């Protein structure tokens, strides 16, 4: 085993951003970089609905 990755695989590059303390990575090939597109999976229930499930889903914790 070696610690070096396969040299034929595409890699991300580190890009310096002018005026910033942090560097940025180039996107991974095959990924979506659009932050506005949100993909949500449907919520799945694990059993029958109880009498207070609706209330619990609407309640907001006191620190909000």
PDB file of N, CA and C in Angstrom:
ATOM      1  N   UNK A   1       0.835  -1.190   0.000  1.00  0.00           N
ATOM      2  CA  UNK A   1       0.000   0.000   0.000  1.00  0.00           C
ATOM      3  C   UNK A   1       0.875   1.247   0.000  1.00  0.00           C
ATOM      4  N   UNK A   2       0.389   2.261  -0.693  1.00  0.00           N
ATOM      5  CA  UNK A   2       1.108   3.527  -0.720  1.00  0.00           C
ATOM      6  C   UNK A   2       0.178   4.631  -0.256  1.00  0.00           C
ATOM      7  N   UNK A   3       0.750   5.722   0.200  1.00  0.00           N
ATOM      8  CA  UNK A   3      -0.032   6.864   0.650  1.00  0.00           C
ATOM      9  C   UNK A   3      -0.409   7.796  -0.489  1.00  0.00           C
ATOM     10  N   UNK A   4       0.160   7.594  -1.666  1.00  0.00           N
ATOM     11  CA  UNK A   4      -0.105   8.470  -2.793  1.00  0.00           C
ATOM     12  C   UNK A   4      -1.311   7.952  -3.581  1.00  0.00           C
ATOM     13  N   UNK A   5      -2.247   8.863  -3.927  1.00  0.00           N
ATOM     14  CA  UNK A   5      -3.403   8.445  -4.703  1.00  0.00           C
ATOM     15  C   UNK A   5      -3.008   8.131  -6.150  1.00  0.00           C
ATOM     16  N   UNK A   6      -3.931   7.513  -6.877  1.00  0.00           N
ATOM     17  CA  UNK A   6      -3.711   7.184  -8.279  1.00  0.00           C
ATOM     18  C   UNK A   6      -3.449   8.462  -9.071  1.00  0.00           C
ATOM     19  N   UNK A   7      -2.343   8.509  -9.790  1.00  0.00           N
ATOM     20  CA  UNK A   7      -1.972   9.732 -10.509  1.00  0.00           C
ATOM     21  C   UNK A   7      -2.862   9.988 -11.715  1.00  0.00           C
ATOM     22  N   UNK A   8      -3.617   9.000 -12.206  1.00  0.00           N
ATOM     23  CA  UNK A   8      -4.479   9.177 -13.358  1.00  0.00           C
ATOM     24  C   UNK A   8      -5.840   9.758 -13.004  1.00  0.00           C
ATOM     25  N   UNK A   9      -6.212   9.772 -11.736  1.00  0.00           N
ATOM     26  CA  UNK A   9      -7.522  10.271 -11.318  1.00  0.00           C
ATOM     27  C   UNK A   9      -7.520  11.797 -11.286  1.00  0.00           C
ATOM     28  N   UNK A  10      -8.619  12.444 -11.750  1.00  0.00           N
ATOM     29  CA  UNK A  10      -8.682  13.915 -11.661  1.00  0.00           C
ATOM     30  C   UNK A  10      -8.743  14.361 -10.203  1.00  0.00           C
ATOM     31  N   UNK A  11      -8.062  15.459  -9.908  1.00  0.00           N
ATOM     32  CA  UNK A  11      -7.998  15.944  -8.537  1.00  0.00           C
ATOM     33  C   UNK A  11      -8.478  17.376  -8.460  1.00  0.00           C
ATOM     34  N   UNK A  12      -8.919  17.762  -7.275  1.00  0.00           N
ATOM     35  CA  UNK A  12      -9.279  19.148  -7.037  1.00  0.00           C
ATOM     36  C   UNK A  12      -8.007  19.972  -6.893  1.00  0.00           C
ATOM     37  N   UNK A  13      -8.097  21.221  -7.267  1.00  0.00           N
ATOM     38  CA  UNK A  13      -6.969  22.145  -7.133  1.00  0.00           C
ATOM     39  C   UNK A  13      -7.298  23.170  -6.053  1.00  0.00           C
ATOM     40  N   UNK A  14      -6.294  23.623  -5.338  1.00  0.00           N
ATOM     41  CA  UNK A  14      -6.453  24.674  -4.345  1.00  0.00           C
ATOM     42  C   UNK A  14      -6.239  26.004  -5.050  1.00  0.00           C
ATOM     43  N   UNK A  15      -7.207  26.916  -4.921  1.00  0.00           N
ATOM     44  CA  UNK A  15      -7.160  28.211  -5.583  1.00  0.00           C
ATOM     45  C   UNK A  15      -7.129  29.289  -4.511  1.00  0.00           C
ATOM     46  N   UNK A  16      -6.156  30.177  -4.596  1.00  0.00           N
ATOM     47  CA  UNK A  16      -6.102  31.302  -3.663  1.00  0.00           C
ATOM     48  C   UNK A  16      -7.105  32.356  -4.075  1.00  0.00           C
ATOM     49  N   UNK A  17      -7.798  32.929  -3.092  1.00  0.00           N
ATOM     50  CA  UNK A  17      -8.772  33.981  -3.348  1.00  0.00           C
ATOM     51  C   UNK A  17      -8.167  35.285  -2.848  1.00  0.00           C
ATOM     52  N   UNK A  18      -8.066  36.266  -3.736  1.00  0.00           N
ATOM     53  CA  UNK A  18      -7.453  37.547  -3.383  1.00  0.00           C
ATOM     54  C   UNK A  18      -8.269  38.244  -2.299  1.00  0.00           C
ATOM     55  N   UNK A  19      -7.613  38.715  -1.261  1.00  0.00           N
ATOM     56  CA  UNK A  19      -8.281  39.434  -0.185  1.00  0.00           C
ATOM     57  C   UNK A  19      -8.983  38.538   0.818  1.00  0.00           C
ATOM     58  N   UNK A  20      -8.782  37.247   0.729  1.00  0.00           N
ATOM     59  CA  UNK A  20      -9.439  36.313   1.640  1.00  0.00           C
ATOM     60  C   UNK A  20      -8.392  35.519   2.399  1.00  0.00           C
ATOM     61  N   UNK A  21      -8.741  35.120   3.611  1.00  0.00           N
ATOM     62  CA  UNK A  21      -7.828  34.311   4.408  1.00  0.00           C
ATOM     63  C   UNK A  21      -7.924  32.834   4.061  1.00  0.00           C
ATOM     64  N   UNK A  22      -8.999  32.447   3.377  1.00  0.00           N
ATOM     65  CA  UNK A  22      -9.212  31.041   3.075  1.00  0.00           C
ATOM     66  C   UNK A  22      -9.019  30.758   1.587  1.00  0.00           C
ATOM     67  N   UNK A  23      -8.520  29.591   1.311  1.00  0.00           N
ATOM     68  CA  UNK A  23      -8.387  29.142  -0.069  1.00  0.00           C
ATOM     69  C   UNK A  23      -9.685  28.452  -0.476  1.00  0.00           C
ATOM     70  N   UNK A  24      -9.818  28.198  -1.769  1.00  0.00           N
ATOM     71  CA  UNK A  24     -11.017  27.572  -2.299  1.00  0.00           C
ATOM     72  C   UNK A  24     -10.592  26.369  -3.117  1.00  0.00           C
ATOM     73  N   UNK A  25     -11.404  25.312  -3.114  1.00  0.00           N
ATOM     74  CA  UNK A  25     -11.136  24.138  -3.932  1.00  0.00           C
ATOM     75  C   UNK A  25     -11.955  24.214  -5.208  1.00  0.00           C
ATOM     76  N   UNK A  26     -11.398  23.707  -6.291  1.00  0.00           N
ATOM     77  CA  UNK A  26     -12.175  23.615  -7.523  1.00  0.00           C
ATOM     78  C   UNK A  26     -13.232  22.527  -7.338  1.00  0.00           C
ATOM     79  N   UNK A  27     -14.343  22.611  -8.053  1.00  0.00           N
ATOM     80  CA  UNK A  27     -15.402  21.607  -7.871  1.00  0.00           C
ATOM     81  C   UNK A  27     -14.952  20.219  -8.313  1.00  0.00           C
ATOM     82  N   UNK A  28     -15.519  19.218  -7.674  1.00  0.00           N
ATOM     83  CA  UNK A  28     -15.243  17.832  -8.025  1.00  0.00           C
ATOM     84  C   UNK A  28     -15.963  17.532  -9.341  1.00  0.00           C
ATOM     85  N   UNK A  29     -15.306  16.866 -10.276  1.00  0.00           N
ATOM     86  CA  UNK A  29     -15.969  16.544 -11.535  1.00  0.00           C
ATOM     87  C   UNK A  29     -17.247  15.726 -11.298  1.00  0.00           C
ATOM     88  N   UNK A  30     -18.330  16.139 -11.951  1.00  0.00           N
ATOM     89  CA  UNK A  30     -19.596  15.423 -11.833  1.00  0.00           C
ATOM     90  C   UNK A  30     -20.499  15.927 -10.722  1.00  0.00           C
ATOM     91  N   UNK A  31     -20.146  17.042 -10.056  1.00  0.00           N
ATOM     92  CA  UNK A  31     -20.989  17.580  -8.993  1.00  0.00           C
ATOM     93  C   UNK A  31     -21.701  18.838  -9.455  1.00  0.00           C
ATOM     94  N   UNK A  32     -22.790  19.181  -8.776  1.00  0.00           N
ATOM     95  CA  UNK A  32     -23.559  20.383  -9.071  1.00  0.00           C
ATOM     96  C   UNK A  32     -23.101  21.476  -8.117  1.00  0.00           C
ATOM     97  N   UNK A  33     -22.634  22.598  -8.642  1.00  0.00           N
ATOM     98  CA  UNK A  33     -22.112  23.675  -7.798  1.00  0.00           C
ATOM     99  C   UNK A  33     -23.112  24.807  -7.625  1.00  0.00           C
ATOM    100  N   UNK A  34     -24.356  24.639  -8.055  1.00  0.00           N
ATOM    101  CA  UNK A  34     -25.374  25.680  -7.953  1.00  0.00           C
ATOM    102  C   UNK A  34     -25.954  25.680  -6.535  1.00  0.00           C
ATOM    103  N   UNK A  35     -25.677  26.703  -5.704  1.00  0.00           N
ATOM    104  CA  UNK A  35     -26.160  26.698  -4.328  1.00  0.00           C
ATOM    105  C   UNK A  35     -27.654  26.997  -4.209  1.00  0.00           C
ATOM    106  N   UNK A  36     -28.264  27.535  -5.269  1.00  0.00           N
ATOM    107  CA  UNK A  36     -29.675  27.885  -5.193  1.00  0.00           C
ATOM    108  C   UNK A  36     -30.589  26.681  -5.382  1.00  0.00           C
ATOM    109  N   UNK A  37     -30.086  25.629  -5.963  1.00  0.00           N
ATOM    110  CA  UNK A  37     -30.913  24.451  -6.211  1.00  0.00           C
ATOM    111  C   UNK A  37     -30.899  23.562  -4.969  1.00  0.00           C
ATOM    112  N   UNK A  38     -32.058  23.391  -4.375  1.00  0.00           N
ATOM    113  CA  UNK A  38     -32.170  22.575  -3.171  1.00  0.00           C
ATOM    114  C   UNK A  38     -32.938  21.314  -3.531  1.00  0.00           C
ATOM    115  N   UNK A  39     -32.339  20.185  -3.241  1.00  0.00           N
ATOM    116  CA  UNK A  39     -32.994  18.908  -3.488  1.00  0.00           C
ATOM    117  C   UNK A  39     -33.356  18.325  -2.132  1.00  0.00           C
ATOM    118  N   UNK A  40     -34.631  18.195  -1.918  1.00  0.00           N
ATOM    119  CA  UNK A  40     -35.088  17.631  -0.645  1.00  0.00           C
ATOM    120  C   UNK A  40     -35.740  16.282  -0.880  1.00  0.00           C
ATOM    121  N   UNK A  41     -35.421  15.372  -0.009  1.00  0.00           N
ATOM    122  CA  UNK A  41     -36.048  14.067  -0.080  1.00  0.00           C
ATOM    123  C   UNK A  41     -37.335  14.114   0.739  1.00  0.00           C
ATOM    124  N   UNK A  42     -38.347  13.382   0.320  1.00  0.00           N
ATOM    125  CA  UNK A  42     -39.586  13.386   1.099  1.00  0.00           C
ATOM    126  C   UNK A  42     -39.353  12.797   2.487  1.00  0.00           C
ATOM    127  N   UNK A  43     -40.062  13.364   3.471  1.00  0.00           N
ATOM    128  CA  UNK A  43     -39.931  12.851   4.831  1.00  0.00           C
ATOM    129  C   UNK A  43     -40.597  11.491   4.906  1.00  0.00           C
ATOM    130  N   UNK A  44     -39.950  10.607   5.615  1.00  0.00           N
ATOM    131  CA  UNK A  44     -40.479   9.248   5.722  1.00  0.00           C
ATOM    132  C   UNK A  44     -40.912   9.002   7.150  1.00  0.00           C
ATOM    133  N   UNK A  45     -42.060   8.442   7.299  1.00  0.00           N
ATOM    134  CA  UNK A  45     -42.539   8.097   8.629  1.00  0.00           C
ATOM    135  C   UNK A  45     -42.207   6.642   8.899  1.00  0.00           C
ATOM    136  N   UNK A  46     -41.970   6.338  10.154  1.00  0.00           N
ATOM    137  CA  UNK A  46     -41.573   4.980  10.502  1.00  0.00           C
ATOM    138  C   UNK A  46     -42.718   4.158  11.059  1.00  0.00           C
ATOM    139  N   UNK A  47     -43.858   4.765  11.316  1.00  0.00           N
ATOM    140  CA  UNK A  47     -44.973   4.011  11.861  1.00  0.00           C
ATOM    141  C   UNK A  47     -46.264   4.795  11.747  1.00  0.00           C
ATOM    142  N   UNK A  48     -47.296   4.314  12.422  1.00  0.00           N
ATOM    143  CA  UNK A  48     -48.577   5.021  12.365  1.00  0.00           C
ATOM    144  C   UNK A  48     -48.485   6.385  13.055  1.00  0.00           C
ATOM    145  N   UNK A  49     -49.315   7.306  12.625  1.00  0.00           N
ATOM    146  CA  UNK A  49     -49.316   8.658  13.162  1.00  0.00           C
ATOM    147  C   UNK A  49     -50.017   8.671  14.526  1.00  0.00           C
ATOM    148  N   UNK A  50     -49.379   9.313  15.495  1.00  0.00           N
ATOM    149  CA  UNK A  50     -49.932   9.391  16.839  1.00  0.00           C
ATOM    150  C   UNK A  50     -50.824  10.605  17.010  1.00  0.00           C
ATOM    151  N   UNK A  51     -51.498  10.739  18.173  1.00  0.00           N
ATOM    152  CA  UNK A  51     -52.449  11.832  18.384  1.00  0.00           C
ATOM    153  C   UNK A  51     -51.790  13.213  18.481  1.00  0.00           C
ATOM    154  N   UNK A  52     -50.522  13.309  18.905  1.00  0.00           N
ATOM    155  CA  UNK A  52     -49.890  14.616  19.057  1.00  0.00           C
ATOM    156  C   UNK A  52     -48.753  14.853  18.070  1.00  0.00           C
ATOM    157  N   UNK A  53     -48.650  14.074  17.017  1.00  0.00           N
ATOM    158  CA  UNK A  53     -47.582  14.241  16.034  1.00  0.00           C
ATOM    159  C   UNK A  53     -47.663  15.589  15.324  1.00  0.00           C
ATOM    160  N   UNK A  54     -48.888  16.042  14.976  1.00  0.00           N
ATOM    161  CA  UNK A  54     -49.029  17.335  14.291  1.00  0.00           C
ATOM    162  C   UNK A  54     -48.536  18.475  15.169  1.00  0.00           C
ATOM    163  N   UNK A  55     -48.871  18.432  16.452  1.00  0.00           N
ATOM    164  CA  UNK A  55     -48.456  19.490  17.373  1.00  0.00           C
ATOM    165  C   UNK A  55     -46.939  19.495  17.546  1.00  0.00           C
ATOM    166  N   UNK A  56     -46.335  18.318  17.658  1.00  0.00           N
ATOM    167  CA  UNK A  56     -44.886  18.233  17.818  1.00  0.00           C
ATOM    168  C   UNK A  56     -44.150  18.769  16.590  1.00  0.00           C
ATOM    169  N   UNK A  57     -44.707  18.566  15.416  1.00  0.00           N
ATOM    170  CA  UNK A  57     -44.067  19.063  14.191  1.00  0.00           C
ATOM    171  C   UNK A  57     -44.191  20.584  14.066  1.00  0.00           C
ATOM    172  N   UNK A  58     -45.216  21.194  14.690  1.00  0.00           N
ATOM    173  CA  UNK A  58     -45.419  22.636  14.601  1.00  0.00           C
ATOM    174  C   UNK A  58     -44.701  23.400  15.709  1.00  0.00           C
ATOM    175  N   UNK A  59     -44.393  22.729  16.826  1.00  0.00           N
ATOM    176  CA  UNK A  59     -43.742  23.408  17.941  1.00  0.00           C
ATOM    177  C   UNK A  59     -42.353  23.899  17.557  1.00  0.00           C
ATOM    178  N   UNK A  60     -41.974  25.043  18.090  1.00  0.00           N
ATOM    179  CA  UNK A  60     -40.659  25.636  17.864  1.00  0.00           C
ATOM    180  C   UNK A  60     -39.938  25.657  19.206  1.00  0.00           C
ATOM    181  N   UNK A  61     -38.681  25.238  19.254  1.00  0.00           N
ATOM    182  CA  UNK A  61     -37.950  25.302  20.517  1.00  0.00           C
ATOM    183  C   UNK A  61     -37.871  26.726  21.042  1.00  0.00           C
ATOM    184  N   UNK A  62     -37.787  26.914  22.349  1.00  0.00           N
ATOM    185  CA  UNK A  62     -37.815  28.263  22.917  1.00  0.00           C
ATOM    186  C   UNK A  62     -36.640  29.150  22.524  1.00  0.00           C
ATOM    187  N   UNK A  63     -35.544  28.595  22.065  1.00  0.00           N
ATOM    188  CA  UNK A  63     -34.383  29.435  21.733  1.00  0.00           C
ATOM    189  C   UNK A  63     -34.474  30.017  20.326  1.00  0.00           C
ATOM    190  N   UNK A  64     -35.530  29.757  19.577  1.00  0.00           N
ATOM    191  CA  UNK A  64     -35.649  30.325  18.225  1.00  0.00           C
ATOM    192  C   UNK A  64     -36.258  31.670  18.283  1.00  0.00           C
TER     193      UNK A  64
END
